[in-house]
Amino acid sequence: MHIQSHILSGWCIGNLFNLTPRERLFCMFAASLQDLDGLGIIVSEELYWDLHHKLGHCLLAGMVLSIAFAMFSTHRWKVLPVYLGLFHLHLVMDYFGSGPGWGLYYLWPFSDWEWINRNAWPFFSWQNLSAAAGFLIWAILIAVYQHRTPLELLMPSLDRRFVALVGRKRAATSQAAQVQ
């Protein structure tokens, strides 16, 4: 599945809980950093095909990343299961949305057993685009109702401007509805 969908999935799920801005940022990381194993493409296409969905998509990597994020979180025991859940959500999204023939090596490096979905939809499919659109709409609703965006910690001034923009649109829509 597309990296943007993974990032937004972490953001949206993180907003279901009473978390700090840093913890919500870690939720985005927990849902997307598995795809760092795809950076092998920089070296060669063969390395990409050998390592992607192996190094970062295994249980060991998910546990290490989740524990590391939890160590730097305010609510350590509360967010650890959230981070682990987001790691697994990434795997489920890849299982269905990475295209036929892509395997996941969940037990690697202890086993080369491959978890594969031969009926997965193509990478650039309506299903993946629909998931991305759904997460984008959810993120916009969070901006409207919870007054924050995924930029809240990284670019606070841009976050405030975007929240103000969607707030003005919401107020204008509400006033127009009252006039009718």
Foldseek 3Di string as FASTA:
>chain_A
DDLLLQLLVLLLLVVVDPFDLLLSLLSSCLSHVLQVQCVCVVVPPVSNLVRRLEPSLAQVNQLVSLQVSLVVGPNNVVCSVVSSVSSVVNVVCCQQADAAPDWHQHHPPVDNDTHHDRPHDHNPDPVVVVSSVVSVVSQLVCCAPVVFHNCCVVPVVVRNVSSVVSVVVVVVVVVVVVVD
